[in-house]
Amino acid sequence: MTTSSAPSHPSHYPPSQTALLFLDYQNVLVNMIADEERKQKLISSAKELLATARANNVAIIHCLIDTDNDPPTTNKVSEQWLTVHKPLLGATPELAQEYGELAPSDSPDGVGHESVSLRPPGYRSVLVNDDLLHLLREKLGVSHLILGGIATSGAILGTATHGTDLDFVVSVVEDAVWDPSETVHRALIDNTIPTLAWVLETKEAVGYLTKK
């Protein structure tokens, strides 16, 4: 893959300056995908990204909603969280866990190759976690973020926007993201996200995780 001299392009950054961020691949959200073919396509893409990142020592951050926490009282989703989602997750804790095939391969230490970052419900951007920002910038020296996750209109859009505003180069892997509304997903992938971040196919993202 050709390396670009433009700092705005993903190919400008080697794997050592790249991080793979997995956003909210939690069972409760993965289970929402009724189309089995689409579900398997998403999981297959995410697994390929994960395996490639692990093989090339690329930083991997599993960014999850902390279901033991509550949203700020000022957040619009607070009432729905407390009355609907929290009781459901309390009764079925496994729904809050990351989808098994995409979970960390061992106990992550939070400072090395593979880490977990938790944020309270109600926040779309995973970068609201100051510890995550410190890890990416100060400890790992990351400038390029590759995103996969659920949902396109939620954590993906929120993190892509926030990441760009924080001067990261952001890439979104189309096959590795999903939204409950296919219409919304297509509008974001085709029109909105390309105005602020790069939209990649899995094969292209794999190239950025492995290029020398």
N, C-alpha and C. Protein backbone atom coordinates (compact mmCIF):
# COMPACT_ATOMS: atom_id res chain seq x y z
N MET A 1 0.84 -1.19 0.00
CA MET A 1 0.00 0.00 0.00
C MET A 1 0.88 1.25 0.00
N THR A 2 0.53 2.20 -0.86
CA THR A 2 1.31 3.42 -0.98
C THR A 2 1.09 4.32 0.23
N THR A 3 2.17 4.86 0.75
CA THR A 3 2.09 5.77 1.88
C THR A 3 1.90 7.19 1.38
N SER A 4 0.95 7.90 2.00
CA SER A 4 0.67 9.27 1.61
C SER A 4 1.49 10.22 2.48
N SER A 5 1.93 11.32 1.87
CA SER A 5 2.64 12.34 2.63
C SER A 5 1.67 13.29 3.32
N ALA A 6 0.38 13.19 3.01
CA ALA A 6 -0.62 14.09 3.59
C ALA A 6 -0.99 13.61 4.99
N PRO A 7 -0.79 14.43 6.01
CA PRO A 7 -1.12 14.02 7.38
C PRO A 7 -2.60 13.75 7.60
N SER A 8 -3.45 14.16 6.67
CA SER A 8 -4.89 13.93 6.80
C SER A 8 -5.30 12.55 6.31
N HIS A 9 -4.36 11.79 5.71
CA HIS A 9 -4.70 10.50 5.11
C HIS A 9 -4.28 9.34 6.01
N PRO A 10 -5.11 8.30 6.13
CA PRO A 10 -4.75 7.17 7.01
C PRO A 10 -3.42 6.52 6.67
N SER A 11 -3.07 6.47 5.40
CA SER A 11 -1.83 5.80 5.02
C SER A 11 -0.58 6.54 5.47
N HIS A 12 -0.76 7.75 5.98
CA HIS A 12 0.38 8.52 6.49
C HIS A 12 0.93 7.90 7.77
N TYR A 13 0.10 7.06 8.45
CA TYR A 13 0.45 6.59 9.79
C TYR A 13 0.73 5.08 9.79
N PRO A 14 1.84 4.67 10.37
CA PRO A 14 2.17 3.25 10.48
C PRO A 14 1.29 2.59 11.54
N PRO A 15 1.27 1.27 11.59
CA PRO A 15 0.49 0.58 12.62
C PRO A 15 0.83 1.03 14.04
N SER A 16 2.06 1.43 14.28
CA SER A 16 2.46 1.86 15.62
C SER A 16 1.78 3.16 16.05
N GLN A 17 1.24 3.91 15.09
CA GLN A 17 0.53 5.15 15.40
C GLN A 17 -0.97 5.02 15.14
N THR A 18 -1.42 3.78 15.02
CA THR A 18 -2.82 3.48 14.73
C THR A 18 -3.42 2.68 15.88
N ALA A 19 -4.70 2.92 16.15
CA ALA A 19 -5.41 2.13 17.15
C ALA A 19 -6.73 1.65 16.56
N LEU A 20 -7.08 0.41 16.88
CA LEU A 20 -8.37 -0.16 16.50
C LEU A 20 -9.32 0.00 17.67
N LEU A 21 -10.39 0.75 17.48
CA LEU A 21 -11.38 0.97 18.53
C LEU A 21 -12.65 0.19 18.20
N PHE A 22 -13.03 -0.72 19.09
CA PHE A 22 -14.27 -1.48 18.95
C PHE A 22 -15.32 -0.84 19.86
N LEU A 23 -16.39 -0.34 19.27
CA LEU A 23 -17.37 0.44 20.00
C LEU A 23 -18.66 -0.35 20.23
N ASP A 24 -18.91 -0.70 21.48
CA ASP A 24 -20.21 -1.23 21.92
C ASP A 24 -20.66 -2.50 21.21
N TYR A 25 -19.73 -3.40 20.95
CA TYR A 25 -20.12 -4.71 20.43
C TYR A 25 -20.64 -5.56 21.59
N GLN A 26 -21.61 -5.04 22.31
CA GLN A 26 -22.17 -5.75 23.46
C GLN A 26 -23.36 -6.59 23.01
N ASN A 27 -23.59 -7.70 23.69
CA ASN A 27 -24.60 -8.65 23.25
C ASN A 27 -25.97 -8.02 23.03
N VAL A 28 -26.34 -7.09 23.91
CA VAL A 28 -27.66 -6.47 23.79
C VAL A 28 -27.83 -5.74 22.46
N LEU A 29 -26.73 -5.21 21.91
CA LEU A 29 -26.80 -4.50 20.63
C LEU A 29 -26.59 -5.44 19.45
N VAL A 30 -25.64 -6.37 19.57
CA VAL A 30 -25.43 -7.34 18.50
C VAL A 30 -26.70 -8.15 18.25
N ASN A 31 -27.43 -8.48 19.34
CA ASN A 31 -28.64 -9.28 19.22
C ASN A 31 -29.77 -8.54 18.50
N MET A 32 -29.64 -7.25 18.33
CA MET A 32 -30.66 -6.48 17.63
C MET A 32 -30.62 -6.73 16.12
N ILE A 33 -29.55 -7.29 15.62
CA ILE A 33 -29.40 -7.49 14.18
C ILE A 33 -30.18 -8.74 13.77
N ALA A 34 -31.37 -8.52 13.21
CA ALA A 34 -32.25 -9.64 12.86
C ALA A 34 -31.81 -10.34 11.58
N ASP A 35 -31.19 -9.60 10.68
CA ASP A 35 -30.72 -10.16 9.42
C ASP A 35 -29.45 -10.97 9.69
N GLU A 36 -29.56 -12.28 9.67
CA GLU A 36 -28.44 -13.14 10.05
C GLU A 36 -27.25 -12.96 9.10
N GLU A 37 -27.51 -12.77 7.82
CA GLU A 37 -26.42 -12.57 6.86
C GLU A 37 -25.66 -11.28 7.17
N ARG A 38 -26.40 -10.24 7.48
CA ARG A 38 -25.77 -8.95 7.83
C ARG A 38 -24.99 -9.07 9.14
N LYS A 39 -25.56 -9.79 10.08
CA LYS A 39 -24.90 -9.99 11.37
C LYS A 39 -23.57 -10.72 11.20
N GLN A 40 -23.59 -11.78 10.41
CA GLN A 40 -22.37 -12.55 10.21
C GLN A 40 -21.32 -11.75 9.43
N LYS A 41 -21.77 -10.90 8.52
CA LYS A 41 -20.84 -10.05 7.78
C LYS A 41 -20.15 -9.08 8.72
N LEU A 42 -20.90 -8.50 9.65
CA LEU A 42 -20.33 -7.58 10.62
C LEU A 42 -19.33 -8.29 11.53
N ILE A 43 -19.72 -9.46 12.04
CA ILE A 43 -18.84 -10.21 12.94
C ILE A 43 -17.58 -10.66 12.21
N SER A 44 -17.74 -11.12 10.98
CA SER A 44 -16.58 -11.57 10.19
C SER A 44 -15.60 -10.43 9.96
N SER A 45 -16.11 -9.26 9.62
CA SER A 45 -15.26 -8.09 9.41
C SER A 45 -14.52 -7.73 10.70
N ALA A 46 -15.27 -7.67 11.80
CA ALA A 46 -14.66 -7.30 13.08
C ALA A 46 -13.61 -8.31 13.51
N LYS A 47 -13.87 -9.60 13.30
CA LYS A 47 -12.90 -10.64 13.67
C LYS A 47 -11.62 -10.52 12.84
N GLU A 48 -11.77 -10.19 11.56
CA GLU A 48 -10.58 -10.03 10.71
C GLU A 48 -9.76 -8.84 11.16
N LEU A 49 -10.43 -7.74 11.49
CA LEU A 49 -9.71 -6.56 11.99
C LEU A 49 -8.99 -6.88 13.30
N LEU A 50 -9.68 -7.57 14.18
CA LEU A 50 -9.12 -7.90 15.49
C LEU A 50 -7.91 -8.81 15.36
N ALA A 51 -8.04 -9.84 14.53
CA ALA A 51 -6.93 -10.78 14.34
C ALA A 51 -5.72 -10.09 13.72
N THR A 52 -5.97 -9.20 12.77
CA THR A 52 -4.87 -8.48 12.11
C THR A 52 -4.17 -7.55 13.09
N ALA A 53 -4.96 -6.83 13.88
CA ALA A 53 -4.37 -5.91 14.86
C ALA A 53 -3.54 -6.67 15.88
N ARG A 54 -4.04 -7.80 16.33
CA ARG A 54 -3.29 -8.60 17.31
C ARG A 54 -1.98 -9.12 16.70
N ALA A 55 -2.04 -9.55 15.45
CA ALA A 55 -0.86 -10.11 14.80
C ALA A 55 0.21 -9.07 14.54
N ASN A 56 -0.21 -7.80 14.44
CA ASN A 56 0.73 -6.72 14.11
C ASN A 56 0.99 -5.77 15.28
N ASN A 57 0.56 -6.21 16.48
CA ASN A 57 0.81 -5.43 17.70
C ASN A 57 0.24 -4.02 17.62
N VAL A 58 -0.91 -3.90 16.96
CA VAL A 58 -1.62 -2.61 16.91
C VAL A 58 -2.44 -2.47 18.18
N ALA A 59 -2.48 -1.28 18.73
CA ALA A 59 -3.27 -1.04 19.94
C ALA A 59 -4.74 -1.31 19.66
N ILE A 60 -5.39 -2.05 20.56
CA ILE A 60 -6.81 -2.39 20.45
C ILE A 60 -7.50 -1.91 21.71
N ILE A 61 -8.56 -1.12 21.54
CA ILE A 61 -9.33 -0.64 22.68
C ILE A 61 -10.77 -1.10 22.54
N HIS A 62 -11.24 -1.88 23.49
CA HIS A 62 -12.63 -2.31 23.53
C HIS A 62 -13.41 -1.25 24.31
N CYS A 63 -14.16 -0.43 23.61
CA CYS A 63 -14.87 0.69 24.22
C CYS A 63 -16.32 0.28 24.47
N LEU A 64 -16.70 0.23 25.74
CA LEU A 64 -18.00 -0.33 26.11
C LEU A 64 -18.78 0.63 27.01
N ILE A 65 -20.10 0.46 26.97
CA ILE A 65 -20.97 1.20 27.89
C ILE A 65 -20.88 0.56 29.26
N ASP A 66 -20.61 1.35 30.27
CA ASP A 66 -20.52 0.86 31.64
C ASP A 66 -21.94 0.73 32.19
N THR A 67 -22.49 -0.46 32.10
CA THR A 67 -23.89 -0.65 32.50
C THR A 67 -24.09 -0.67 34.01
N ASP A 68 -23.01 -0.60 34.77
CA ASP A 68 -23.12 -0.46 36.22
C ASP A 68 -23.24 1.01 36.63
N ASN A 69 -23.15 1.88 35.65
CA ASN A 69 -23.22 3.32 35.90
C ASN A 69 -24.53 3.85 35.33
N ASP A 70 -24.87 5.09 35.64
CA ASP A 70 -26.07 5.74 35.12
C ASP A 70 -25.70 6.97 34.32
N PRO A 71 -26.56 7.38 33.38
CA PRO A 71 -26.28 8.62 32.65
C PRO A 71 -26.39 9.82 33.57
N PRO A 72 -25.80 10.95 33.18
CA PRO A 72 -26.04 12.18 33.93
C PRO A 72 -27.54 12.48 33.94
N THR A 73 -28.03 13.08 35.00
CA THR A 73 -29.46 13.38 35.09
C THR A 73 -29.91 14.37 34.01
N THR A 74 -28.96 15.13 33.46
CA THR A 74 -29.30 16.09 32.40
C THR A 74 -29.43 15.43 31.03
N ASN A 75 -29.01 14.16 30.92
CA ASN A 75 -29.03 13.48 29.63
C ASN A 75 -30.44 13.03 29.28
N LYS A 76 -30.84 13.21 28.04
CA LYS A 76 -32.20 12.90 27.61
C LYS A 76 -32.55 11.43 27.76
N VAL A 77 -31.54 10.54 27.67
CA VAL A 77 -31.82 9.10 27.76
C VAL A 77 -31.91 8.61 29.19
N SER A 78 -31.73 9.50 30.17
CA SER A 78 -31.64 9.08 31.56
C SER A 78 -32.90 8.33 32.02
N GLU A 79 -34.08 8.86 31.73
CA GLU A 79 -35.31 8.22 32.19
C GLU A 79 -35.50 6.86 31.54
N GLN A 80 -35.27 6.77 30.23
CA GLN A 80 -35.41 5.50 29.54
C GLN A 80 -34.41 4.48 30.05
N TRP A 81 -33.19 4.93 30.35
CA TRP A 81 -32.17 4.04 30.88
C TRP A 81 -32.62 3.44 32.21
N LEU A 82 -33.11 4.29 33.10
CA LEU A 82 -33.47 3.86 34.45
C LEU A 82 -34.71 2.98 34.47
N THR A 83 -35.65 3.23 33.55
CA THR A 83 -36.92 2.51 33.58
C THR A 83 -36.96 1.28 32.67
N VAL A 84 -36.14 1.28 31.62
CA VAL A 84 -36.21 0.19 30.64
C VAL A 84 -34.89 -0.61 30.58
N HIS A 85 -33.81 0.07 30.23
CA HIS A 85 -32.56 -0.64 29.95
C HIS A 85 -31.89 -1.19 31.20
N LYS A 86 -31.83 -0.41 32.24
CA LYS A 86 -31.15 -0.87 33.46
C LYS A 86 -31.82 -2.09 34.07
N PRO A 87 -33.16 -2.12 34.20
CA PRO A 87 -33.80 -3.34 34.72
C PRO A 87 -33.55 -4.57 33.83
N LEU A 88 -33.57 -4.37 32.50
CA LEU A 88 -33.33 -5.48 31.58
C LEU A 88 -31.92 -6.05 31.77
N LEU A 89 -30.94 -5.16 31.82
CA LEU A 89 -29.55 -5.61 31.96
C LEU A 89 -29.29 -6.18 33.35
N GLY A 90 -30.00 -5.66 34.34
CA GLY A 90 -29.86 -6.19 35.69
C GLY A 90 -30.38 -7.62 35.78
N ALA A 91 -31.45 -7.90 35.04
CA ALA A 91 -32.03 -9.23 35.06
C ALA A 91 -31.26 -10.21 34.19
N THR A 92 -30.57 -9.68 33.16
CA THR A 92 -29.82 -10.53 32.23
C THR A 92 -28.44 -9.92 32.01
N PRO A 93 -27.54 -10.07 32.97
CA PRO A 93 -26.23 -9.40 32.91
C PRO A 93 -25.39 -9.74 31.69
N GLU A 94 -25.58 -10.94 31.13
CA GLU A 94 -24.77 -11.32 29.98
C GLU A 94 -25.03 -10.44 28.76
N LEU A 95 -26.17 -9.77 28.74
CA LEU A 95 -26.46 -8.87 27.62
C LEU A 95 -25.50 -7.68 27.59
N ALA A 96 -24.95 -7.33 28.73
CA ALA A 96 -24.03 -6.20 28.81
C ALA A 96 -22.61 -6.59 28.41
N GLN A 97 -22.34 -7.87 28.31
CA GLN A 97 -20.98 -8.32 27.99
C GLN A 97 -20.68 -8.13 26.51
N GLU A 98 -19.39 -7.98 26.20
CA GLU A 98 -18.98 -7.87 24.81
C GLU A 98 -19.18 -9.21 24.12
N TYR A 99 -19.60 -9.15 22.86
CA TYR A 99 -19.84 -10.36 22.08
C TYR A 99 -18.61 -11.25 22.14
N GLY A 100 -18.82 -12.52 22.49
CA GLY A 100 -17.73 -13.41 22.85
C GLY A 100 -16.59 -13.51 21.86
N GLU A 101 -16.89 -13.58 20.56
CA GLU A 101 -15.84 -13.74 19.55
C GLU A 101 -15.02 -12.48 19.35
N LEU A 102 -15.47 -11.37 19.93
CA LEU A 102 -14.76 -10.09 19.75
C LEU A 102 -14.15 -9.58 21.06
N ALA A 103 -14.34 -10.31 22.13
CA ALA A 103 -13.85 -9.88 23.44
C ALA A 103 -12.33 -10.02 23.52
N PRO A 104 -11.69 -9.35 24.49
CA PRO A 104 -10.24 -9.47 24.66
C PRO A 104 -9.81 -10.92 24.82
N SER A 105 -8.64 -11.23 24.27
CA SER A 105 -8.16 -12.61 24.29
C SER A 105 -7.66 -13.02 25.67
N ASP A 106 -7.29 -12.05 26.50
CA ASP A 106 -6.86 -12.34 27.86
C ASP A 106 -7.21 -11.13 28.71
N SER A 107 -6.76 -11.11 29.93
CA SER A 107 -7.07 -10.00 30.83
C SER A 107 -6.29 -8.76 30.43
N PRO A 108 -6.95 -7.74 29.88
CA PRO A 108 -6.22 -6.55 29.46
C PRO A 108 -5.76 -5.73 30.65
N ASP A 109 -4.57 -5.14 30.54
CA ASP A 109 -4.03 -4.37 31.66
C ASP A 109 -4.30 -2.88 31.51
N GLY A 110 -4.90 -2.47 30.39
CA GLY A 110 -5.27 -1.08 30.21
C GLY A 110 -4.15 -0.18 29.73
N VAL A 111 -2.95 -0.70 29.59
CA VAL A 111 -1.84 0.17 29.20
C VAL A 111 -1.03 -0.37 28.03
N GLY A 112 -1.40 -1.52 27.53
CA GLY A 112 -0.58 -2.14 26.50
C GLY A 112 -1.30 -2.41 25.21
N HIS A 113 -1.11 -3.61 24.71
CA HIS A 113 -1.59 -3.99 23.38
C HIS A 113 -3.11 -3.98 23.29
N GLU A 114 -3.80 -4.44 24.33
CA GLU A 114 -5.26 -4.57 24.27
C GLU A 114 -5.88 -4.10 25.58
N SER A 115 -6.82 -3.18 25.49
CA SER A 115 -7.36 -2.53 26.68
C SER A 115 -8.88 -2.44 26.59
N VAL A 116 -9.50 -2.18 27.73
CA VAL A 116 -10.94 -1.94 27.80
C VAL A 116 -11.17 -0.54 28.35
N SER A 117 -12.08 0.20 27.72
CA SER A 117 -12.43 1.55 28.17
C SER A 117 -13.93 1.62 28.39
N LEU A 118 -14.33 2.01 29.58
CA LEU A 118 -15.74 2.10 29.93
C LEU A 118 -16.19 3.56 30.03
N ARG A 119 -17.40 3.83 29.58
CA ARG A 119 -17.98 5.16 29.73
C ARG A 119 -19.42 5.02 30.20
N PRO A 120 -19.96 6.02 30.89
CA PRO A 120 -21.35 5.93 31.35
C PRO A 120 -22.32 5.90 30.18
N PRO A 121 -23.50 5.34 30.36
CA PRO A 121 -24.52 5.39 29.32
C PRO A 121 -24.86 6.85 28.99
N GLY A 122 -25.35 7.06 27.77
CA GLY A 122 -25.80 8.39 27.37
C GLY A 122 -24.79 9.17 26.57
N TYR A 123 -23.53 8.74 26.56
CA TYR A 123 -22.49 9.41 25.79
C TYR A 123 -22.26 8.68 24.47
N ARG A 124 -22.30 9.41 23.37
CA ARG A 124 -22.06 8.80 22.08
C ARG A 124 -20.57 8.61 21.81
N SER A 125 -19.78 9.58 22.17
CA SER A 125 -18.35 9.49 21.89
C SER A 125 -17.62 8.76 23.00
N VAL A 126 -16.81 7.77 22.62
CA VAL A 126 -16.02 7.05 23.61
C VAL A 126 -14.86 7.91 24.12
N LEU A 127 -14.58 8.99 23.41
CA LEU A 127 -13.44 9.84 23.76
C LEU A 127 -13.75 10.80 24.91
N VAL A 128 -14.96 10.72 25.48
CA VAL A 128 -15.25 11.49 26.69
C VAL A 128 -14.46 10.93 27.87
N ASN A 129 -13.96 9.72 27.74
CA ASN A 129 -13.16 9.10 28.79
C ASN A 129 -11.75 9.67 28.75
N ASP A 130 -11.43 10.50 29.72
CA ASP A 130 -10.11 11.14 29.76
C ASP A 130 -8.97 10.13 29.84
N ASP A 131 -9.22 9.01 30.52
CA ASP A 131 -8.19 7.97 30.62
C ASP A 131 -7.87 7.39 29.24
N LEU A 132 -8.90 7.26 28.40
CA LEU A 132 -8.70 6.74 27.06
C LEU A 132 -7.88 7.73 26.23
N LEU A 133 -8.20 8.98 26.31
CA LEU A 133 -7.43 9.99 25.59
C LEU A 133 -5.97 9.99 26.02
N HIS A 134 -5.75 9.89 27.31
CA HIS A 134 -4.37 9.87 27.83
C HIS A 134 -3.63 8.64 27.31
N LEU A 135 -4.31 7.48 27.30
CA LEU A 135 -3.71 6.26 26.81
C LEU A 135 -3.32 6.40 25.34
N LEU A 136 -4.26 6.90 24.52
CA LEU A 136 -4.01 7.01 23.08
C LEU A 136 -2.88 7.97 22.77
N ARG A 137 -2.92 9.12 23.41
CA ARG A 137 -1.98 10.19 23.04
C ARG A 137 -0.66 10.09 23.77
N GLU A 138 -0.72 9.97 25.08
CA GLU A 138 0.50 10.07 25.88
C GLU A 138 1.26 8.73 25.96
N LYS A 139 0.55 7.63 26.10
CA LYS A 139 1.22 6.34 26.28
C LYS A 139 1.49 5.62 24.96
N LEU A 140 0.55 5.75 24.00
CA LEU A 140 0.68 4.98 22.77
C LEU A 140 1.09 5.82 21.56
N GLY A 141 0.96 7.12 21.64
CA GLY A 141 1.35 7.98 20.52
C GLY A 141 0.51 7.77 19.28
N VAL A 142 -0.79 7.54 19.46
CA VAL A 142 -1.70 7.24 18.35
C VAL A 142 -2.22 8.52 17.70
N SER A 143 -2.25 8.51 16.36
CA SER A 143 -2.81 9.62 15.60
C SER A 143 -3.97 9.20 14.70
N HIS A 144 -4.07 7.89 14.41
CA HIS A 144 -5.08 7.36 13.48
C HIS A 144 -5.96 6.35 14.21
N LEU A 145 -7.27 6.58 14.19
CA LEU A 145 -8.23 5.69 14.82
C LEU A 145 -9.03 4.95 13.76
N ILE A 146 -9.09 3.64 13.86
CA ILE A 146 -9.94 2.83 13.00
C ILE A 146 -11.11 2.33 13.85
N LEU A 147 -12.34 2.62 13.40
CA LEU A 147 -13.54 2.34 14.19
C LEU A 147 -14.39 1.23 13.58
N GLY A 148 -14.87 0.36 14.45
CA GLY A 148 -15.92 -0.58 14.11
C GLY A 148 -16.87 -0.63 15.29
N GLY A 149 -18.16 -0.87 15.06
CA GLY A 149 -19.05 -0.95 16.20
C GLY A 149 -20.51 -0.68 15.88
N ILE A 150 -21.28 -0.54 16.95
CA ILE A 150 -22.72 -0.33 16.89
C ILE A 150 -23.06 0.84 17.82
N ALA A 151 -23.84 1.79 17.38
CA ALA A 151 -24.52 1.87 16.09
C ALA A 151 -23.90 2.99 15.26
N THR A 152 -24.16 2.93 13.95
CA THR A 152 -23.60 3.95 13.06
C THR A 152 -24.04 5.35 13.48
N SER A 153 -25.31 5.48 13.86
CA SER A 153 -25.84 6.80 14.24
C SER A 153 -25.56 7.15 15.69
N GLY A 154 -24.96 6.22 16.43
CA GLY A 154 -24.66 6.45 17.84
C GLY A 154 -23.18 6.62 18.09
N ALA A 155 -22.55 5.56 18.62
CA ALA A 155 -21.14 5.66 19.01
C ALA A 155 -20.22 5.93 17.84
N ILE A 156 -20.54 5.38 16.66
CA ILE A 156 -19.66 5.58 15.51
C ILE A 156 -19.65 7.04 15.09
N LEU A 157 -20.83 7.61 14.85
CA LEU A 157 -20.91 9.02 14.44
C LEU A 157 -20.36 9.93 15.54
N GLY A 158 -20.72 9.65 16.79
CA GLY A 158 -20.26 10.49 17.89
C GLY A 158 -18.76 10.48 18.05
N THR A 159 -18.15 9.30 17.95
CA THR A 159 -16.71 9.18 18.12
C THR A 159 -15.96 9.72 16.91
N ALA A 160 -16.50 9.48 15.72
CA ALA A 160 -15.85 10.00 14.52
C ALA A 160 -15.83 11.53 14.53
N THR A 161 -16.93 12.12 14.92
CA THR A 161 -17.01 13.59 14.99
C THR A 161 -16.07 14.13 16.06
N HIS A 162 -16.14 13.54 17.25
CA HIS A 162 -15.31 14.00 18.37
C HIS A 162 -13.83 13.78 18.07
N GLY A 163 -13.52 12.61 17.51
CA GLY A 163 -12.12 12.32 17.19
C GLY A 163 -11.53 13.29 16.20
N THR A 164 -12.32 13.63 15.18
CA THR A 164 -11.86 14.62 14.21
C THR A 164 -11.64 15.98 14.86
N ASP A 165 -12.55 16.36 15.76
CA ASP A 165 -12.41 17.64 16.46
C ASP A 165 -11.19 17.66 17.38
N LEU A 166 -10.74 16.47 17.79
CA LEU A 166 -9.55 16.37 18.63
C LEU A 166 -8.28 16.13 17.81
N ASP A 167 -8.40 16.28 16.49
CA ASP A 167 -7.25 16.20 15.56
C ASP A 167 -6.71 14.80 15.34
N PHE A 168 -7.53 13.78 15.57
CA PHE A 168 -7.19 12.44 15.13
C PHE A 168 -7.61 12.29 13.67
N VAL A 169 -6.89 11.46 12.93
CA VAL A 169 -7.38 10.98 11.64
C VAL A 169 -8.26 9.78 11.95
N VAL A 170 -9.49 9.79 11.45
CA VAL A 170 -10.47 8.77 11.80
C VAL A 170 -10.91 8.00 10.56
N SER A 171 -10.92 6.67 10.69
CA SER A 171 -11.43 5.80 9.63
C SER A 171 -12.56 4.94 10.19
N VAL A 172 -13.63 4.78 9.43
CA VAL A 172 -14.77 3.95 9.81
C VAL A 172 -14.85 2.78 8.83
N VAL A 173 -14.87 1.56 9.35
CA VAL A 173 -14.92 0.37 8.50
C VAL A 173 -16.38 0.03 8.23
N GLU A 174 -16.79 0.22 7.00
CA GLU A 174 -18.21 0.10 6.64
C GLU A 174 -18.81 -1.25 7.01
N ASP A 175 -18.10 -2.35 6.71
CA ASP A 175 -18.64 -3.68 6.98
C ASP A 175 -18.72 -4.00 8.46
N ALA A 176 -17.99 -3.25 9.28
CA ALA A 176 -17.90 -3.55 10.70
C ALA A 176 -18.81 -2.67 11.56
N VAL A 177 -19.68 -1.88 10.91
CA VAL A 177 -20.62 -1.04 11.65
C VAL A 177 -22.04 -1.35 11.20
N TRP A 178 -23.00 -1.05 12.08
CA TRP A 178 -24.41 -1.37 11.81
C TRP A 178 -25.29 -0.37 12.54
N ASP A 179 -26.47 -0.16 11.98
CA ASP A 179 -27.46 0.71 12.60
C ASP A 179 -28.84 0.07 12.49
N PRO A 180 -29.72 0.28 13.47
CA PRO A 180 -31.07 -0.28 13.38
C PRO A 180 -31.84 0.18 12.15
N SER A 181 -31.50 1.37 11.65
CA SER A 181 -32.14 1.87 10.44
C SER A 181 -31.16 1.80 9.28
N GLU A 182 -31.46 0.96 8.30
CA GLU A 182 -30.58 0.84 7.13
C GLU A 182 -30.54 2.15 6.36
N THR A 183 -31.67 2.87 6.35
CA THR A 183 -31.72 4.16 5.65
C THR A 183 -30.77 5.16 6.29
N VAL A 184 -30.81 5.21 7.62
CA VAL A 184 -29.91 6.11 8.35
C VAL A 184 -28.46 5.67 8.16
N HIS A 185 -28.22 4.37 8.25
CA HIS A 185 -26.85 3.84 8.07
C HIS A 185 -26.28 4.26 6.72
N ARG A 186 -27.07 4.07 5.66
CA ARG A 186 -26.58 4.40 4.31
C ARG A 186 -26.35 5.90 4.16
N ALA A 187 -27.24 6.71 4.71
CA ALA A 187 -27.07 8.16 4.60
C ALA A 187 -25.81 8.62 5.31
N LEU A 188 -25.52 8.03 6.47
CA LEU A 188 -24.32 8.41 7.22
C LEU A 188 -23.05 7.92 6.52
N ILE A 189 -23.07 6.67 6.07
CA ILE A 189 -21.89 6.09 5.42
C ILE A 189 -21.62 6.75 4.07
N ASP A 190 -22.67 7.06 3.34
CA ASP A 190 -22.50 7.58 1.97
C ASP A 190 -22.32 9.10 1.93
N ASN A 191 -22.91 9.80 2.90
CA ASN A 191 -22.93 11.26 2.80
C ASN A 191 -22.31 12.01 3.98
N THR A 192 -22.64 11.61 5.19
CA THR A 192 -22.24 12.41 6.35
C THR A 192 -20.82 12.10 6.81
N ILE A 193 -20.54 10.84 7.11
CA ILE A 193 -19.23 10.48 7.66
C ILE A 193 -18.08 10.82 6.72
N PRO A 194 -18.22 10.64 5.40
CA PRO A 194 -17.11 10.99 4.50
C PRO A 194 -16.72 12.46 4.52
N THR A 195 -17.57 13.32 5.06
CA THR A 195 -17.20 14.74 5.14
C THR A 195 -16.25 15.02 6.30
N LEU A 196 -16.11 14.06 7.22
CA LEU A 196 -15.24 14.30 8.39
C LEU A 196 -14.25 13.17 8.64
N ALA A 197 -14.51 11.98 8.07
CA ALA A 197 -13.64 10.83 8.31
C ALA A 197 -13.57 9.99 7.05
N TRP A 198 -12.71 8.97 7.09
CA TRP A 198 -12.54 8.08 5.95
C TRP A 198 -13.42 6.86 6.12
N VAL A 199 -14.12 6.46 5.08
CA VAL A 199 -14.92 5.24 5.09
C VAL A 199 -14.17 4.17 4.32
N LEU A 200 -13.88 3.06 4.99
CA LEU A 200 -13.04 2.01 4.41
C LEU A 200 -13.80 0.69 4.31
N GLU A 201 -13.40 -0.14 3.35
CA GLU A 201 -13.78 -1.54 3.36
C GLU A 201 -12.80 -2.30 4.26
N THR A 202 -13.20 -3.48 4.67
CA THR A 202 -12.36 -4.26 5.59
C THR A 202 -10.96 -4.48 5.02
N LYS A 203 -10.86 -4.83 3.75
CA LYS A 203 -9.57 -5.12 3.14
C LYS A 203 -8.64 -3.91 3.22
N GLU A 204 -9.18 -2.72 3.01
CA GLU A 204 -8.35 -1.51 3.07
C GLU A 204 -7.89 -1.25 4.49
N ALA A 205 -8.79 -1.42 5.45
CA ALA A 205 -8.43 -1.22 6.86
C ALA A 205 -7.35 -2.20 7.29
N VAL A 206 -7.46 -3.45 6.85
CA VAL A 206 -6.44 -4.45 7.16
C VAL A 206 -5.09 -4.00 6.64
N GLY A 207 -5.07 -3.38 5.46
CA GLY A 207 -3.82 -2.87 4.91
C GLY A 207 -3.18 -1.81 5.80
N TYR A 208 -3.99 -0.95 6.38
CA TYR A 208 -3.44 0.09 7.26
C TYR A 208 -2.95 -0.50 8.59
N LEU A 209 -3.47 -1.67 8.95
CA LEU A 209 -3.03 -2.32 10.18
C LEU A 209 -1.77 -3.15 9.99
N THR A 210 -1.38 -3.37 8.74
CA THR A 210 -0.26 -4.26 8.47
C THR A 210 0.87 -3.61 7.68
N LYS A 211 0.65 -2.46 7.10
CA LYS A 211 1.67 -1.88 6.20
C LYS A 211 2.97 -1.60 6.95
N LYS A 212 4.07 -1.73 6.26
CA LYS A 212 5.39 -1.54 6.89
C LYS A 212 5.84 -0.09 6.78
